[in-house]
Amino acid sequence: MEDETWLTAREAAELTGVSIVTVYSWARRGHLNVEGLDHRGQKLFRHLDVARAEKATRTKARRVLVPAV
């Protein structure tokens, strides 16, 4: 699609509030596909895919915190 937004790992990390290492971890674990490379050879991710990866990993990580007694 011509109107898709492409993000580098740094941009994806800033958008989602996670580290760059986490973005690459999403890709390594199969939550996020590398869709191409920019002119400097940096991996590019689709904006929608980044949002889906964040949602998938955040809902799995949800925990109920109980205060210490």
PDB file of N, CA and C in Angstrom:
ATOM      1  N   MET A   1       0.833  -1.196   0.000  1.00  0.00           N
ATOM      2  CA  MET A   1       0.000   0.000   0.000  1.00  0.00           C
ATOM      3  C   MET A   1       0.867   1.244   0.000  1.00  0.00           C
ATOM      4  N   GLU A   2       0.428   2.230  -0.688  1.00  0.00           N
ATOM      5  CA  GLU A   2       1.202   3.468  -0.758  1.00  0.00           C
ATOM      6  C   GLU A   2       1.069   4.325   0.488  1.00  0.00           C
ATOM      7  N   ASP A   3      -0.038   4.200   1.205  1.00  0.00           N
ATOM      8  CA  ASP A   3      -0.267   5.065   2.353  1.00  0.00           C
ATOM      9  C   ASP A   3       0.164   4.439   3.673  1.00  0.00           C
ATOM     10  N   GLU A   4       0.907   3.344   3.637  1.00  0.00           N
ATOM     11  CA  GLU A   4       1.388   2.715   4.855  1.00  0.00           C
ATOM     12  C   GLU A   4       2.508   3.545   5.474  1.00  0.00           C
ATOM     13  N   THR A   5       2.584   3.489   6.791  1.00  0.00           N
ATOM     14  CA  THR A   5       3.655   4.162   7.514  1.00  0.00           C
ATOM     15  C   THR A   5       4.695   3.123   7.904  1.00  0.00           C
ATOM     16  N   TRP A   6       5.950   3.418   7.590  1.00  0.00           N
ATOM     17  CA  TRP A   6       7.064   2.528   7.895  1.00  0.00           C
ATOM     18  C   TRP A   6       7.885   3.128   9.021  1.00  0.00           C
ATOM     19  N   LEU A   7       8.334   2.293   9.935  1.00  0.00           N
ATOM     20  CA  LEU A   7       9.081   2.746  11.100  1.00  0.00           C
ATOM     21  C   LEU A   7      10.389   1.980  11.240  1.00  0.00           C
ATOM     22  N   THR A   8      11.422   2.680  11.674  1.00  0.00           N
ATOM     23  CA  THR A   8      12.652   2.001  12.066  1.00  0.00           C
ATOM     24  C   THR A   8      12.435   1.440  13.474  1.00  0.00           C
ATOM     25  N   ALA A   9      13.370   0.640  13.942  1.00  0.00           N
ATOM     26  CA  ALA A   9      13.260   0.084  15.292  1.00  0.00           C
ATOM     27  C   ALA A   9      13.240   1.207  16.329  1.00  0.00           C
ATOM     28  N   ARG A  10      14.044   2.238  16.122  1.00  0.00           N
ATOM     29  CA  ARG A  10      14.074   3.360  17.063  1.00  0.00           C
ATOM     30  C   ARG A  10      12.721   4.073  17.101  1.00  0.00           C
ATOM     31  N   GLU A  11      12.142   4.318  15.936  1.00  0.00           N
ATOM     32  CA  GLU A  11      10.838   4.986  15.876  1.00  0.00           C
ATOM     33  C   GLU A  11       9.748   4.115  16.499  1.00  0.00           C
ATOM     34  N   ALA A  12       9.812   2.814  16.246  1.00  0.00           N
ATOM     35  CA  ALA A  12       8.833   1.892  16.826  1.00  0.00           C
ATOM     36  C   ALA A  12       8.952   1.875  18.349  1.00  0.00           C
ATOM     37  N   ALA A  13      10.182   1.899  18.843  1.00  0.00           N
ATOM     38  CA  ALA A  13      10.416   1.902  20.287  1.00  0.00           C
ATOM     39  C   ALA A  13       9.874   3.179  20.923  1.00  0.00           C
ATOM     40  N   GLU A  14      10.147   4.313  20.295  1.00  0.00           N
ATOM     41  CA  GLU A  14       9.655   5.589  20.824  1.00  0.00           C
ATOM     42  C   GLU A  14       8.134   5.642  20.806  1.00  0.00           C
ATOM     43  N   LEU A  15       7.529   5.138  19.752  1.00  0.00           N
ATOM     44  CA  LEU A  15       6.075   5.148  19.620  1.00  0.00           C
ATOM     45  C   LEU A  15       5.400   4.307  20.690  1.00  0.00           C
ATOM     46  N   THR A  16       5.979   3.149  20.992  1.00  0.00           N
ATOM     47  CA  THR A  16       5.350   2.217  21.923  1.00  0.00           C
ATOM     48  C   THR A  16       5.843   2.356  23.360  1.00  0.00           C
ATOM     49  N   GLY A  17       6.894   3.131  23.570  1.00  0.00           N
ATOM     50  CA  GLY A  17       7.409   3.321  24.924  1.00  0.00           C
ATOM     51  C   GLY A  17       8.227   2.148  25.441  1.00  0.00           C
ATOM     52  N   VAL A  18       8.855   1.414  24.528  1.00  0.00           N
ATOM     53  CA  VAL A  18       9.708   0.293  24.923  1.00  0.00           C
ATOM     54  C   VAL A  18      11.118   0.552  24.397  1.00  0.00           C
ATOM     55  N   SER A  19      12.040  -0.334  24.726  1.00  0.00           N
ATOM     56  CA  SER A  19      13.414  -0.171  24.241  1.00  0.00           C
ATOM     57  C   SER A  19      13.547  -0.747  22.831  1.00  0.00           C
ATOM     58  N   ILE A  20      14.628  -0.363  22.158  1.00  0.00           N
ATOM     59  CA  ILE A  20      14.913  -0.908  20.827  1.00  0.00           C
ATOM     60  C   ILE A  20      15.138  -2.418  20.927  1.00  0.00           C
ATOM     61  N   VAL A  21      15.742  -2.851  21.999  1.00  0.00           N
ATOM     62  CA  VAL A  21      15.984  -4.284  22.217  1.00  0.00           C
ATOM     63  C   VAL A  21      14.650  -5.036  22.229  1.00  0.00           C
ATOM     64  N   THR A  22      13.628  -4.447  22.835  1.00  0.00           N
ATOM     65  CA  THR A  22      12.311  -5.071  22.881  1.00  0.00           C
ATOM     66  C   THR A  22      11.717  -5.195  21.482  1.00  0.00           C
ATOM     67  N   VAL A  23      11.869  -4.165  20.661  1.00  0.00           N
ATOM     68  CA  VAL A  23      11.354  -4.220  19.282  1.00  0.00           C
ATOM     69  C   VAL A  23      12.021  -5.364  18.531  1.00  0.00           C
ATOM     70  N   TYR A  24      13.346  -5.485  18.644  1.00  0.00           N
ATOM     71  CA  TYR A  24      14.041  -6.590  17.981  1.00  0.00           C
ATOM     72  C   TYR A  24      13.649  -7.943  18.577  1.00  0.00           C
ATOM     73  N   SER A  25      13.325  -7.959  19.860  1.00  0.00           N
ATOM     74  CA  SER A  25      12.856  -9.183  20.495  1.00  0.00           C
ATOM     75  C   SER A  25      11.508  -9.606  19.917  1.00  0.00           C
ATOM     76  N   TRP A  26      10.616  -8.630  19.700  1.00  0.00           N
ATOM     77  CA  TRP A  26       9.328  -8.939  19.062  1.00  0.00           C
ATOM     78  C   TRP A  26       9.559  -9.583  17.704  1.00  0.00           C
ATOM     79  N   ALA A  27      10.500  -9.037  16.944  1.00  0.00           N
ATOM     80  CA  ALA A  27      10.799  -9.579  15.611  1.00  0.00           C
ATOM     81  C   ALA A  27      11.388 -10.989  15.720  1.00  0.00           C
ATOM     82  N   ARG A  28      12.301 -11.183  16.646  1.00  0.00           N
ATOM     83  CA  ARG A  28      12.951 -12.483  16.811  1.00  0.00           C
ATOM     84  C   ARG A  28      11.944 -13.558  17.241  1.00  0.00           C
ATOM     85  N   ARG A  29      10.978 -13.173  18.076  1.00  0.00           N
ATOM     86  CA  ARG A  29       9.986 -14.130  18.573  1.00  0.00           C
ATOM     87  C   ARG A  29       8.804 -14.313  17.631  1.00  0.00           C
ATOM     88  N   GLY A  30       8.795 -13.586  16.514  1.00  0.00           N
ATOM     89  CA  GLY A  30       7.744 -13.779  15.525  1.00  0.00           C
ATOM     90  C   GLY A  30       6.524 -12.897  15.683  1.00  0.00           C
ATOM     91  N   HIS A  31       6.573 -11.937  16.620  1.00  0.00           N
ATOM     92  CA  HIS A  31       5.447 -11.017  16.800  1.00  0.00           C
ATOM     93  C   HIS A  31       5.465  -9.879  15.783  1.00  0.00           C
ATOM     94  N   LEU A  32       6.602  -9.663  15.144  1.00  0.00           N
ATOM     95  CA  LEU A  32       6.782  -8.513  14.264  1.00  0.00           C
ATOM     96  C   LEU A  32       7.665  -8.917  13.089  1.00  0.00           C
ATOM     97  N   ASN A  33       7.203  -8.618  11.881  1.00  0.00           N
ATOM     98  CA  ASN A  33       7.960  -8.948  10.672  1.00  0.00           C
ATOM     99  C   ASN A  33       8.744  -7.744  10.175  1.00  0.00           C
ATOM    100  N   VAL A  34       9.966  -8.000   9.754  1.00  0.00           N
ATOM    101  CA  VAL A  34      10.755  -6.968   9.081  1.00  0.00           C
ATOM    102  C   VAL A  34      10.231  -6.898   7.654  1.00  0.00           C
ATOM    103  N   GLU A  35       9.799  -5.703   7.234  1.00  0.00           N
ATOM    104  CA  GLU A  35       9.168  -5.556   5.927  1.00  0.00           C
ATOM    105  C   GLU A  35      10.091  -4.975   4.869  1.00  0.00           C
ATOM    106  N   GLY A  36      11.255  -4.499   5.268  1.00  0.00           N
ATOM    107  CA  GLY A  36      12.186  -3.940   4.294  1.00  0.00           C
ATOM    108  C   GLY A  36      13.342  -3.256   4.984  1.00  0.00           C
ATOM    109  N   LEU A  37      14.143  -2.551   4.182  1.00  0.00           N
ATOM    110  CA  LEU A  37      15.288  -1.809   4.685  1.00  0.00           C
ATOM    111  C   LEU A  37      15.232  -0.395   4.151  1.00  0.00           C
ATOM    112  N   ASP A  38      15.685   0.554   4.961  1.00  0.00           N
ATOM    113  CA  ASP A  38      15.737   1.939   4.482  1.00  0.00           C
ATOM    114  C   ASP A  38      17.054   2.158   3.728  1.00  0.00           C
ATOM    115  N   HIS A  39      17.305   3.390   3.330  1.00  0.00           N
ATOM    116  CA  HIS A  39      18.502   3.700   2.539  1.00  0.00           C
ATOM    117  C   HIS A  39      19.807   3.483   3.299  1.00  0.00           C
ATOM    118  N   ARG A  40      19.736   3.372   4.642  1.00  0.00           N
ATOM    119  CA  ARG A  40      20.934   3.115   5.443  1.00  0.00           C
ATOM    120  C   ARG A  40      21.036   1.652   5.866  1.00  0.00           C
ATOM    121  N   GLY A  41      20.112   0.833   5.389  1.00  0.00           N
ATOM    122  CA  GLY A  41      20.133  -0.578   5.731  1.00  0.00           C
ATOM    123  C   GLY A  41      19.447  -0.924   7.036  1.00  0.00           C
ATOM    124  N   GLN A  42      18.756   0.046   7.644  1.00  0.00           N
ATOM    125  CA  GLN A  42      18.038  -0.224   8.881  1.00  0.00           C
ATOM    126  C   GLN A  42      16.732  -0.942   8.573  1.00  0.00           C
ATOM    127  N   LYS A  43      16.374  -1.879   9.441  1.00  0.00           N
ATOM    128  CA  LYS A  43      15.149  -2.641   9.250  1.00  0.00           C
ATOM    129  C   LYS A  43      13.931  -1.730   9.401  1.00  0.00           C
ATOM    130  N   LEU A  44      12.913  -1.999   8.571  1.00  0.00           N
ATOM    131  CA  LEU A  44      11.677  -1.230   8.604  1.00  0.00           C
ATOM    132  C   LEU A  44      10.509  -2.140   8.977  1.00  0.00           C
ATOM    133  N   PHE A  45       9.602  -1.579   9.771  1.00  0.00           N
ATOM    134  CA  PHE A  45       8.429  -2.299  10.236  1.00  0.00           C
ATOM    135  C   PHE A  45       7.184  -1.487   9.881  1.00  0.00           C
ATOM    136  N   ARG A  46       6.109  -2.182   9.571  1.00  0.00           N
ATOM    137  CA  ARG A  46       4.848  -1.485   9.306  1.00  0.00           C
ATOM    138  C   ARG A  46       4.271  -0.992  10.631  1.00  0.00           C
ATOM    139  N   HIS A  47       3.732   0.220  10.625  1.00  0.00           N
ATOM    140  CA  HIS A  47       3.148   0.825  11.824  1.00  0.00           C
ATOM    141  C   HIS A  47       2.078  -0.089  12.423  1.00  0.00           C
ATOM    142  N   LEU A  48       1.192  -0.599  11.590  1.00  0.00           N
ATOM    143  CA  LEU A  48       0.116  -1.463  12.066  1.00  0.00           C
ATOM    144  C   LEU A  48       0.665  -2.728  12.715  1.00  0.00           C
ATOM    145  N   ASP A  49       1.728  -3.295  12.148  1.00  0.00           N
ATOM    146  CA  ASP A  49       2.343  -4.491  12.725  1.00  0.00           C
ATOM    147  C   ASP A  49       2.971  -4.199  14.078  1.00  0.00           C
ATOM    148  N   VAL A  50       3.561  -3.023  14.220  1.00  0.00           N
ATOM    149  CA  VAL A  50       4.150  -2.620  15.508  1.00  0.00           C
ATOM    150  C   VAL A  50       3.051  -2.537  16.563  1.00  0.00           C
ATOM    151  N   ALA A  51       1.922  -1.928  16.212  1.00  0.00           N
ATOM    152  CA  ALA A  51       0.803  -1.813  17.149  1.00  0.00           C
ATOM    153  C   ALA A  51       0.284  -3.193  17.547  1.00  0.00           C
ATOM    154  N   ARG A  52       0.188  -4.087  16.591  1.00  0.00           N
ATOM    155  CA  ARG A  52      -0.288  -5.450  16.887  1.00  0.00           C
ATOM    156  C   ARG A  52       0.686  -6.193  17.787  1.00  0.00           C
ATOM    157  N   ALA A  53       1.976  -6.041  17.527  1.00  0.00           N
ATOM    158  CA  ALA A  53       2.991  -6.709  18.354  1.00  0.00           C
ATOM    159  C   ALA A  53       2.939  -6.183  19.784  1.00  0.00           C
ATOM    160  N   GLU A  54       2.791  -4.870  19.910  1.00  0.00           N
ATOM    161  CA  GLU A  54       2.710  -4.291  21.255  1.00  0.00           C
ATOM    162  C   GLU A  54       1.490  -4.828  21.989  1.00  0.00           C
ATOM    163  N   LYS A  55       0.360  -4.844  21.331  1.00  0.00           N
ATOM    164  CA  LYS A  55      -0.870  -5.324  21.968  1.00  0.00           C
ATOM    165  C   LYS A  55      -0.732  -6.789  22.373  1.00  0.00           C
ATOM    166  N   ALA A  56      -0.200  -7.601  21.487  1.00  0.00           N
ATOM    167  CA  ALA A  56      -0.056  -9.034  21.774  1.00  0.00           C
ATOM    168  C   ALA A  56       0.859  -9.284  22.958  1.00  0.00           C
ATOM    169  N   THR A  57       1.950  -8.563  23.038  1.00  0.00           N
ATOM    170  CA  THR A  57       2.903  -8.814  24.117  1.00  0.00           C
ATOM    171  C   THR A  57       2.467  -8.170  25.421  1.00  0.00           C
ATOM    172  N   ARG A  58       1.808  -7.040  25.362  1.00  0.00           N
ATOM    173  CA  ARG A  58       1.354  -6.394  26.607  1.00  0.00           C
ATOM    174  C   ARG A  58       0.211  -7.157  27.247  1.00  0.00           C
ATOM    175  N   THR A  59      -0.700  -7.714  26.478  1.00  0.00           N
ATOM    176  CA  THR A  59      -1.812  -8.455  27.077  1.00  0.00           C
ATOM    177  C   THR A  59      -1.323  -9.765  27.677  1.00  0.00           C
ATOM    178  N   LYS A  60      -0.302 -10.370  27.092  1.00  0.00           N
ATOM    179  CA  LYS A  60       0.260 -11.590  27.665  1.00  0.00           C
ATOM    180  C   LYS A  60       1.009 -11.302  28.953  1.00  0.00           C
ATOM    181  N   ALA A  61       1.577 -10.126  29.069  1.00  0.00           N
ATOM    182  CA  ALA A  61       2.396  -9.783  30.229  1.00  0.00           C
ATOM    183  C   ALA A  61       1.568  -9.224  31.388  1.00  0.00           C
ATOM    184  N   ARG A  62       0.285  -9.059  31.193  1.00  0.00           N
ATOM    185  CA  ARG A  62      -0.559  -8.478  32.234  1.00  0.00           C
ATOM    186  C   ARG A  62      -0.545  -9.364  33.471  1.00  0.00           C
ATOM    187  N   ARG A  63      -0.284  -8.762  34.603  1.00  0.00           N
ATOM    188  CA  ARG A  63      -0.239  -9.496  35.864  1.00  0.00           C
ATOM    189  C   ARG A  63      -1.052  -8.750  36.901  1.00  0.00           C
ATOM    190  N   VAL A  64      -1.539  -9.475  37.840  1.00  0.00           N
ATOM    191  CA  VAL A  64      -2.249  -8.849  38.955  1.00  0.00           C
ATOM    192  C   VAL A  64      -1.231  -8.676  40.063  1.00  0.00           C
ATOM    193  N   LEU A  65      -1.017  -7.438  40.442  1.00  0.00           N
ATOM    194  CA  LEU A  65      -0.040  -7.142  41.492  1.00  0.00           C
ATOM    195  C   LEU A  65      -0.763  -7.093  42.845  1.00  0.00           C
ATOM    196  N   VAL A  66      -0.200  -7.783  43.812  1.00  0.00           N
ATOM    197  CA  VAL A  66      -0.761  -7.819  45.139  1.00  0.00           C
ATOM    198  C   VAL A  66       0.208  -7.121  46.078  1.00  0.00           C
ATOM    199  N   PRO A  67      -0.271  -6.161  46.870  1.00  0.00           N
ATOM    200  CA  PRO A  67       0.642  -5.467  47.783  1.00  0.00           C
ATOM    201  C   PRO A  67       1.233  -6.422  48.827  1.00  0.00           C
ATOM    202  N   ALA A  68       2.491  -6.179  49.167  1.00  0.00           N
ATOM    203  CA  ALA A  68       3.152  -6.993  50.194  1.00  0.00           C
ATOM    204  C   ALA A  68       2.538  -6.712  51.552  1.00  0.00           C
ATOM    205  N   VAL A  69       2.407  -7.740  52.346  1.00  0.00           N
ATOM    206  CA  VAL A  69       1.798  -7.602  53.675  1.00  0.00           C
ATOM    207  C   VAL A  69       2.839  -7.365  54.713  1.00  0.00           C
TER     208      VAL A  69
END
